[in-house]
Amino acid sequence: MSEKVLLTGRPGCGKTTLIKRVVNNLPQAAGGFYTEEIRERGTRVGFKIVTLKGDEVVFAHVALKTDEHLGKYGLDLAALEAVGVTTIRRAMRGRRLVVIDEIGPMEIRSPDFRHAVTEALDSHVPLLATIFARPLRFTDAIKSRPDVTLIEIRPDNRERLVLELSEKFKRR
């Protein structure tokens, strides 16, 4: 079975930045997505999914009028599924490193997303993902799997982890 690495840590600790740096260091193509904040006048108003190929879609926003909400954000689960889930499955089919940023409370509202994450974990392709630090049933089950390596990102280990993870996934 291939390497499955989950990065966790406090909000703002650099998980997404670390993943981007690792992917940029790799000679082979990876597939998947990042989750990025949407800010207006210095205030976070939502999140968008950005694929490694550069496709973007708004996934959560304070102005979204949908049936699904988490806190102040309306969630567009169809957008997550059309872009995020599709790119996860495409990376698995291509036997490339699967990048998922993030497996968190908003994303796991989608049954299709949860299924795609489970497929990626059960597959023979490598996975590099970020995962919500606080307890949630779905994420706790993933973190407790014997086939995953869970790494907490901290200011004192970020730089070292960029190099270590880049080397680990280069060897694949």
Foldseek 3Di string as FASTA:
>chain_A
DDAEEEEEEDPPLCQQVLVVLLCVLAPDHAWAWAKDFDDDPRHTFFIWIAIPVGDIDTAWGLPDDDPDDDPSIDGDLVRCCVPGLVRLVVRVVVLHEYEEHAAEDRNVVDPSSLVSVVVSVPGPHYYYYYYYDDDDVSRVVVVPDPRHHYHYRHPVCSVVVSVVSSVSRNVD
